[in-house]
Amino acid sequence: MSWRERIAIALDIAKGMAALHFMNPPVIHRDLKSLNVFMVNRENRWSAKVADFGLSRSPDADMMT
């Protein structure tokens, strides 16, 4: 995998996290790791999708730890 592809994947992950944080109310993922990133190949371009929101919380939640 080239460095260009690696950087593009890192940017996809950052954009996904930014989208969650800018939601109203914002969502905090709390479990971002490689196993929670899905890779999709469309038209010979790999892209990353953030997944697994089992531990995600809104900052307004009463049980934030």
PDB file of N, CA and C in Angstrom:
ATOM      1  N   MET A   1       0.848  -1.168   0.000  1.00  0.00           N
ATOM      2  CA  MET A   1       0.000   0.000   0.000  1.00  0.00           C
ATOM      3  C   MET A   1       0.903   1.243   0.000  1.00  0.00           C
ATOM      4  N   SER A   2       0.613   2.150  -0.888  1.00  0.00           N
ATOM      5  CA  SER A   2       1.454   3.345  -0.997  1.00  0.00           C
ATOM      6  C   SER A   2       1.159   4.321   0.140  1.00  0.00           C
ATOM      7  N   TRP A   3       2.096   5.263   0.347  1.00  0.00           N
ATOM      8  CA  TRP A   3       1.881   6.279   1.380  1.00  0.00           C
ATOM      9  C   TRP A   3       0.691   7.161   1.032  1.00  0.00           C
ATOM     10  N   ARG A   4       0.459   7.410  -0.238  1.00  0.00           N
ATOM     11  CA  ARG A   4      -0.694   8.207  -0.665  1.00  0.00           C
ATOM     12  C   ARG A   4      -2.003   7.527  -0.230  1.00  0.00           C
ATOM     13  N   GLU A   5      -2.065   6.209  -0.421  1.00  0.00           N
ATOM     14  CA  GLU A   5      -3.261   5.457  -0.009  1.00  0.00           C
ATOM     15  C   GLU A   5      -3.410   5.457   1.512  1.00  0.00           C
ATOM     16  N   ARG A   6      -2.317   5.299   2.226  1.00  0.00           N
ATOM     17  CA  ARG A   6      -2.361   5.309   3.690  1.00  0.00           C
ATOM     18  C   ARG A   6      -2.866   6.642   4.224  1.00  0.00           C
ATOM     19  N   ILE A   7      -2.368   7.725   3.648  1.00  0.00           N
ATOM     20  CA  ILE A   7      -2.802   9.055   4.084  1.00  0.00           C
ATOM     21  C   ILE A   7      -4.281   9.264   3.758  1.00  0.00           C
ATOM     22  N   ALA A   8      -4.720   8.803   2.594  1.00  0.00           N
ATOM     23  CA  ALA A   8      -6.131   8.928   2.217  1.00  0.00           C
ATOM     24  C   ALA A   8      -7.024   8.169   3.201  1.00  0.00           C
ATOM     25  N   ILE A   9      -6.586   6.998   3.632  1.00  0.00           N
ATOM     26  CA  ILE A   9      -7.357   6.214   4.598  1.00  0.00           C
ATOM     27  C   ILE A   9      -7.394   6.924   5.947  1.00  0.00           C
ATOM     28  N   ALA A  10      -6.255   7.454   6.383  1.00  0.00           N
ATOM     29  CA  ALA A  10      -6.223   8.202   7.649  1.00  0.00           C
ATOM     30  C   ALA A  10      -7.152   9.413   7.581  1.00  0.00           C
ATOM     31  N   LEU A  11      -7.185  10.095   6.446  1.00  0.00           N
ATOM     32  CA  LEU A  11      -8.086  11.238   6.280  1.00  0.00           C
ATOM     33  C   LEU A  11      -9.550  10.798   6.302  1.00  0.00           C
ATOM     34  N   ASP A  12      -9.870   9.654   5.700  1.00  0.00           N
ATOM     35  CA  ASP A  12     -11.243   9.133   5.747  1.00  0.00           C
ATOM     36  C   ASP A  12     -11.677   8.901   7.195  1.00  0.00           C
ATOM     37  N   ILE A  13     -10.795   8.318   7.992  1.00  0.00           N
ATOM     38  CA  ILE A  13     -11.110   8.050   9.395  1.00  0.00           C
ATOM     39  C   ILE A  13     -11.297   9.364  10.152  1.00  0.00           C
ATOM     40  N   ALA A  14     -10.409  10.323   9.917  1.00  0.00           N
ATOM     41  CA  ALA A  14     -10.527  11.623  10.582  1.00  0.00           C
ATOM     42  C   ALA A  14     -11.813  12.331  10.181  1.00  0.00           C
ATOM     43  N   LYS A  15     -12.193  12.255   8.916  1.00  0.00           N
ATOM     44  CA  LYS A  15     -13.441  12.879   8.459  1.00  0.00           C
ATOM     45  C   LYS A  15     -14.658  12.202   9.094  1.00  0.00           C
ATOM     46  N   GLY A  16     -14.585  10.877   9.234  1.00  0.00           N
ATOM     47  CA  GLY A  16     -15.685  10.158   9.887  1.00  0.00           C
ATOM     48  C   GLY A  16     -15.843  10.567  11.341  1.00  0.00           C
ATOM     49  N   MET A  17     -14.725  10.684  12.041  1.00  0.00           N
ATOM     50  CA  MET A  17     -14.780  11.114  13.443  1.00  0.00           C
ATOM     51  C   MET A  17     -15.251  12.558  13.556  1.00  0.00           C
ATOM     52  N   ALA A  18     -14.803  13.419  12.651  1.00  0.00           N
ATOM     53  CA  ALA A  18     -15.247  14.817  12.665  1.00  0.00           C
ATOM     54  C   ALA A  18     -16.750  14.895  12.427  1.00  0.00           C
ATOM     55  N   ALA A  19     -17.263  14.081  11.516  1.00  0.00           N
ATOM     56  CA  ALA A  19     -18.704  14.082  11.250  1.00  0.00           C
ATOM     57  C   ALA A  19     -19.479  13.713  12.514  1.00  0.00           C
ATOM     58  N   LEU A  20     -18.989  12.732  13.265  1.00  0.00           N
ATOM     59  CA  LEU A  20     -19.649  12.352  14.520  1.00  0.00           C
ATOM     60  C   LEU A  20     -19.603  13.491  15.528  1.00  0.00           C
ATOM     61  N   HIS A  21     -18.458  14.151  15.639  1.00  0.00           N
ATOM     62  CA  HIS A  21     -18.289  15.208  16.639  1.00  0.00           C
ATOM     63  C   HIS A  21     -19.085  16.464  16.309  1.00  0.00           C
ATOM     64  N   PHE A  22     -19.354  16.688  15.018  1.00  0.00           N
ATOM     65  CA  PHE A  22     -20.104  17.880  14.620  1.00  0.00           C
ATOM     66  C   PHE A  22     -21.602  17.641  14.537  1.00  0.00           C
ATOM     67  N   MET A  23     -22.057  16.423  14.854  1.00  0.00           N
ATOM     68  CA  MET A  23     -23.498  16.151  14.876  1.00  0.00           C
ATOM     69  C   MET A  23     -24.135  16.944  16.017  1.00  0.00           C
ATOM     70  N   ASN A  24     -25.435  17.083  15.967  1.00  0.00           N
ATOM     71  CA  ASN A  24     -26.140  17.797  17.024  1.00  0.00           C
ATOM     72  C   ASN A  24     -27.187  16.866  17.623  1.00  0.00           C
ATOM     73  N   PRO A  25     -27.000  16.311  18.795  1.00  0.00           N
ATOM     74  CA  PRO A  25     -25.859  16.453  19.697  1.00  0.00           C
ATOM     75  C   PRO A  25     -24.663  15.645  19.183  1.00  0.00           C
ATOM     76  N   PRO A  26     -23.466  16.038  19.588  1.00  0.00           N
ATOM     77  CA  PRO A  26     -22.269  15.323  19.132  1.00  0.00           C
ATOM     78  C   PRO A  26     -22.223  13.892  19.674  1.00  0.00           C
ATOM     79  N   VAL A  27     -21.544  13.040  18.942  1.00  0.00           N
ATOM     80  CA  VAL A  27     -21.361  11.646  19.353  1.00  0.00           C
ATOM     81  C   VAL A  27     -19.878  11.420  19.597  1.00  0.00           C
ATOM     82  N   ILE A  28     -19.539  10.823  20.735  1.00  0.00           N
ATOM     83  CA  ILE A  28     -18.157  10.469  21.054  1.00  0.00           C
ATOM     84  C   ILE A  28     -18.030   8.959  20.875  1.00  0.00           C
ATOM     85  N   HIS A  29     -17.158   8.527  19.981  1.00  0.00           N
ATOM     86  CA  HIS A  29     -17.053   7.108  19.620  1.00  0.00           C
ATOM     87  C   HIS A  29     -16.542   6.258  20.782  1.00  0.00           C
ATOM     88  N   ARG A  30     -15.488   6.634  21.444  1.00  0.00           N
ATOM     89  CA  ARG A  30     -14.901   6.001  22.622  1.00  0.00           C
ATOM     90  C   ARG A  30     -14.239   4.649  22.390  1.00  0.00           C
ATOM     91  N   ASP A  31     -14.193   4.146  21.154  1.00  0.00           N
ATOM     92  CA  ASP A  31     -13.545   2.851  20.916  1.00  0.00           C
ATOM     93  C   ASP A  31     -12.942   2.794  19.512  1.00  0.00           C
ATOM     94  N   LEU A  32     -12.300   3.871  19.094  1.00  0.00           N
ATOM     95  CA  LEU A  32     -11.708   3.889  17.764  1.00  0.00           C
ATOM     96  C   LEU A  32     -10.436   3.039  17.763  1.00  0.00           C
ATOM     97  N   LYS A  33     -10.429   2.027  16.926  1.00  0.00           N
ATOM     98  CA  LYS A  33      -9.278   1.141  16.742  1.00  0.00           C
ATOM     99  C   LYS A  33      -9.407   0.501  15.367  1.00  0.00           C
ATOM    100  N   SER A  34      -8.378  -0.157  14.919  1.00  0.00           N
ATOM    101  CA  SER A  34      -8.374  -0.710  13.564  1.00  0.00           C
ATOM    102  C   SER A  34      -9.513  -1.705  13.336  1.00  0.00           C
ATOM    103  N   LEU A  35      -9.898  -2.453  14.357  1.00  0.00           N
ATOM    104  CA  LEU A  35     -10.980  -3.425  14.192  1.00  0.00           C
ATOM    105  C   LEU A  35     -12.341  -2.758  13.984  1.00  0.00           C
ATOM    106  N   ASN A  36     -12.455  -1.469  14.299  1.00  0.00           N
ATOM    107  CA  ASN A  36     -13.712  -0.743  14.136  1.00  0.00           C
ATOM    108  C   ASN A  36     -13.696   0.168  12.918  1.00  0.00           C
ATOM    109  N   VAL A  37     -12.810  -0.122  11.981  1.00  0.00           N
ATOM    110  CA  VAL A  37     -12.763   0.616  10.721  1.00  0.00           C
ATOM    111  C   VAL A  37     -12.969  -0.389   9.596  1.00  0.00           C
ATOM    112  N   PHE A  38     -14.012  -0.168   8.797  1.00  0.00           N
ATOM    113  CA  PHE A  38     -14.285  -1.029   7.645  1.00  0.00           C
ATOM    114  C   PHE A  38     -13.615  -0.431   6.421  1.00  0.00           C
ATOM    115  N   MET A  39     -13.042  -1.284   5.596  1.00  0.00           N
ATOM    116  CA  MET A  39     -12.417  -0.848   4.357  1.00  0.00           C
ATOM    117  C   MET A  39     -13.326  -1.220   3.190  1.00  0.00           C
ATOM    118  N   VAL A  40     -13.558  -0.253   2.300  1.00  0.00           N
ATOM    119  CA  VAL A  40     -14.436  -0.435   1.148  1.00  0.00           C
ATOM    120  C   VAL A  40     -13.640  -0.119  -0.109  1.00  0.00           C
ATOM    121  N   ASN A  41     -13.740  -0.982  -1.111  1.00  0.00           N
ATOM    122  CA  ASN A  41     -13.054  -0.753  -2.377  1.00  0.00           C
ATOM    123  C   ASN A  41     -14.104  -0.476  -3.445  1.00  0.00           C
ATOM    124  N   ARG A  42     -14.130   0.772  -3.899  1.00  0.00           N
ATOM    125  CA  ARG A  42     -15.056   1.167  -4.967  1.00  0.00           C
ATOM    126  C   ARG A  42     -14.246   1.776  -6.094  1.00  0.00           C
ATOM    127  N   GLU A  43     -14.417   1.218  -7.278  1.00  0.00           N
ATOM    128  CA  GLU A  43     -13.737   1.723  -8.467  1.00  0.00           C
ATOM    129  C   GLU A  43     -12.229   1.829  -8.242  1.00  0.00           C
ATOM    130  N   ASN A  44     -11.652   0.773  -7.658  1.00  0.00           N
ATOM    131  CA  ASN A  44     -10.205   0.685  -7.390  1.00  0.00           C
ATOM    132  C   ASN A  44      -9.686   1.772  -6.457  1.00  0.00           C
ATOM    133  N   ARG A  45     -10.545   2.282  -5.579  1.00  0.00           N
ATOM    134  CA  ARG A  45     -10.109   3.236  -4.567  1.00  0.00           C
ATOM    135  C   ARG A  45     -10.567   2.731  -3.217  1.00  0.00           C
ATOM    136  N   TRP A  46      -9.621   2.562  -2.310  1.00  0.00           N
ATOM    137  CA  TRP A  46      -9.949   2.126  -0.960  1.00  0.00           C
ATOM    138  C   TRP A  46     -10.405   3.325  -0.136  1.00  0.00           C
ATOM    139  N   SER A  47     -11.458   3.124   0.656  1.00  0.00           N
ATOM    140  CA  SER A  47     -11.879   4.159   1.601  1.00  0.00           C
ATOM    141  C   SER A  47     -12.223   3.488   2.923  1.00  0.00           C
ATOM    142  N   ALA A  48     -12.120   4.263   3.988  1.00  0.00           N
ATOM    143  CA  ALA A  48     -12.350   3.739   5.339  1.00  0.00           C
ATOM    144  C   ALA A  48     -13.676   4.264   5.875  1.00  0.00           C
ATOM    145  N   LYS A  49     -14.391   3.406   6.587  1.00  0.00           N
ATOM    146  CA  LYS A  49     -15.655   3.767   7.225  1.00  0.00           C
ATOM    147  C   LYS A  49     -15.560   3.427   8.709  1.00  0.00           C
ATOM    148  N   VAL A  50     -15.847   4.404   9.557  1.00  0.00           N
ATOM    149  CA  VAL A  50     -15.824   4.184  11.008  1.00  0.00           C
ATOM    150  C   VAL A  50     -17.082   3.418  11.386  1.00  0.00           C
ATOM    151  N   ALA A  51     -16.933   2.385  12.220  1.00  0.00           N
ATOM    152  CA  ALA A  51     -18.058   1.529  12.582  1.00  0.00           C
ATOM    153  C   ALA A  51     -18.027   1.194  14.072  1.00  0.00           C
ATOM    154  N   ASP A  52     -18.963   0.359  14.499  1.00  0.00           N
ATOM    155  CA  ASP A  52     -19.078  -0.162  15.861  1.00  0.00           C
ATOM    156  C   ASP A  52     -19.283   0.953  16.883  1.00  0.00           C
ATOM    157  N   PHE A  53     -20.522   1.351  17.038  1.00  0.00           N
ATOM    158  CA  PHE A  53     -20.864   2.435  17.946  1.00  0.00           C
ATOM    159  C   PHE A  53     -21.417   1.913  19.274  1.00  0.00           C
ATOM    160  N   GLY A  54     -21.036   0.714  19.645  1.00  0.00           N
ATOM    161  CA  GLY A  54     -21.530   0.111  20.877  1.00  0.00           C
ATOM    162  C   GLY A  54     -21.174   0.887  22.129  1.00  0.00           C
ATOM    163  N   LEU A  55     -20.023   1.545  22.148  1.00  0.00           N
ATOM    164  CA  LEU A  55     -19.593   2.313  23.319  1.00  0.00           C
ATOM    165  C   LEU A  55     -19.778   3.814  23.135  1.00  0.00           C
ATOM    166  N   SER A  56     -20.387   4.225  22.015  1.00  0.00           N
ATOM    167  CA  SER A  56     -20.514   5.659  21.752  1.00  0.00           C
ATOM    168  C   SER A  56     -21.524   6.302  22.695  1.00  0.00           C
ATOM    169  N   ARG A  57     -21.269   7.573  22.985  1.00  0.00           N
ATOM    170  CA  ARG A  57     -22.130   8.324  23.915  1.00  0.00           C
ATOM    171  C   ARG A  57     -22.227   9.760  23.450  1.00  0.00           C
ATOM    172  N   SER A  58     -23.307  10.391  23.844  1.00  0.00           N
ATOM    173  CA  SER A  58     -23.442  11.826  23.684  1.00  0.00           C
ATOM    174  C   SER A  58     -22.777  12.475  24.873  1.00  0.00           C
ATOM    175  N   PRO A  59     -22.104  13.614  24.698  1.00  0.00           N
ATOM    176  CA  PRO A  59     -21.468  14.272  25.846  1.00  0.00           C
ATOM    177  C   PRO A  59     -22.477  14.666  26.926  1.00  0.00           C
ATOM    178  N   ASP A  60     -23.749  14.735  26.587  1.00  0.00           N
ATOM    179  CA  ASP A  60     -24.776  15.093  27.575  1.00  0.00           C
ATOM    180  C   ASP A  60     -25.225  13.891  28.406  1.00  0.00           C
ATOM    181  N   ALA A  61     -24.760  12.695  28.057  1.00  0.00           N
ATOM    182  CA  ALA A  61     -25.199  11.495  28.759  1.00  0.00           C
ATOM    183  C   ALA A  61     -24.796  11.547  30.234  1.00  0.00           C
ATOM    184  N   ASP A  62     -25.656  11.046  31.075  1.00  0.00           N
ATOM    185  CA  ASP A  62     -25.414  11.057  32.509  1.00  0.00           C
ATOM    186  C   ASP A  62     -24.281  10.141  32.940  1.00  0.00           C
ATOM    187  N   MET A  63     -24.017   9.113  32.159  1.00  0.00           N
ATOM    188  CA  MET A  63     -23.065   8.092  32.600  1.00  0.00           C
ATOM    189  C   MET A  63     -21.708   8.211  31.899  1.00  0.00           C
ATOM    190  N   MET A  64     -21.288   9.413  31.549  1.00  0.00           N
ATOM    191  CA  MET A  64     -19.974   9.585  30.941  1.00  0.00           C
ATOM    192  C   MET A  64     -18.897   9.293  31.985  1.00  0.00           C
ATOM    193  N   THR A  65     -17.907   8.505  31.601  1.00  0.00           N
ATOM    194  CA  THR A  65     -16.792   8.205  32.509  1.00  0.00           C
ATOM    195  C   THR A  65     -15.486   8.509  31.812  1.00  0.00           C
TER     196      THR A  65
END
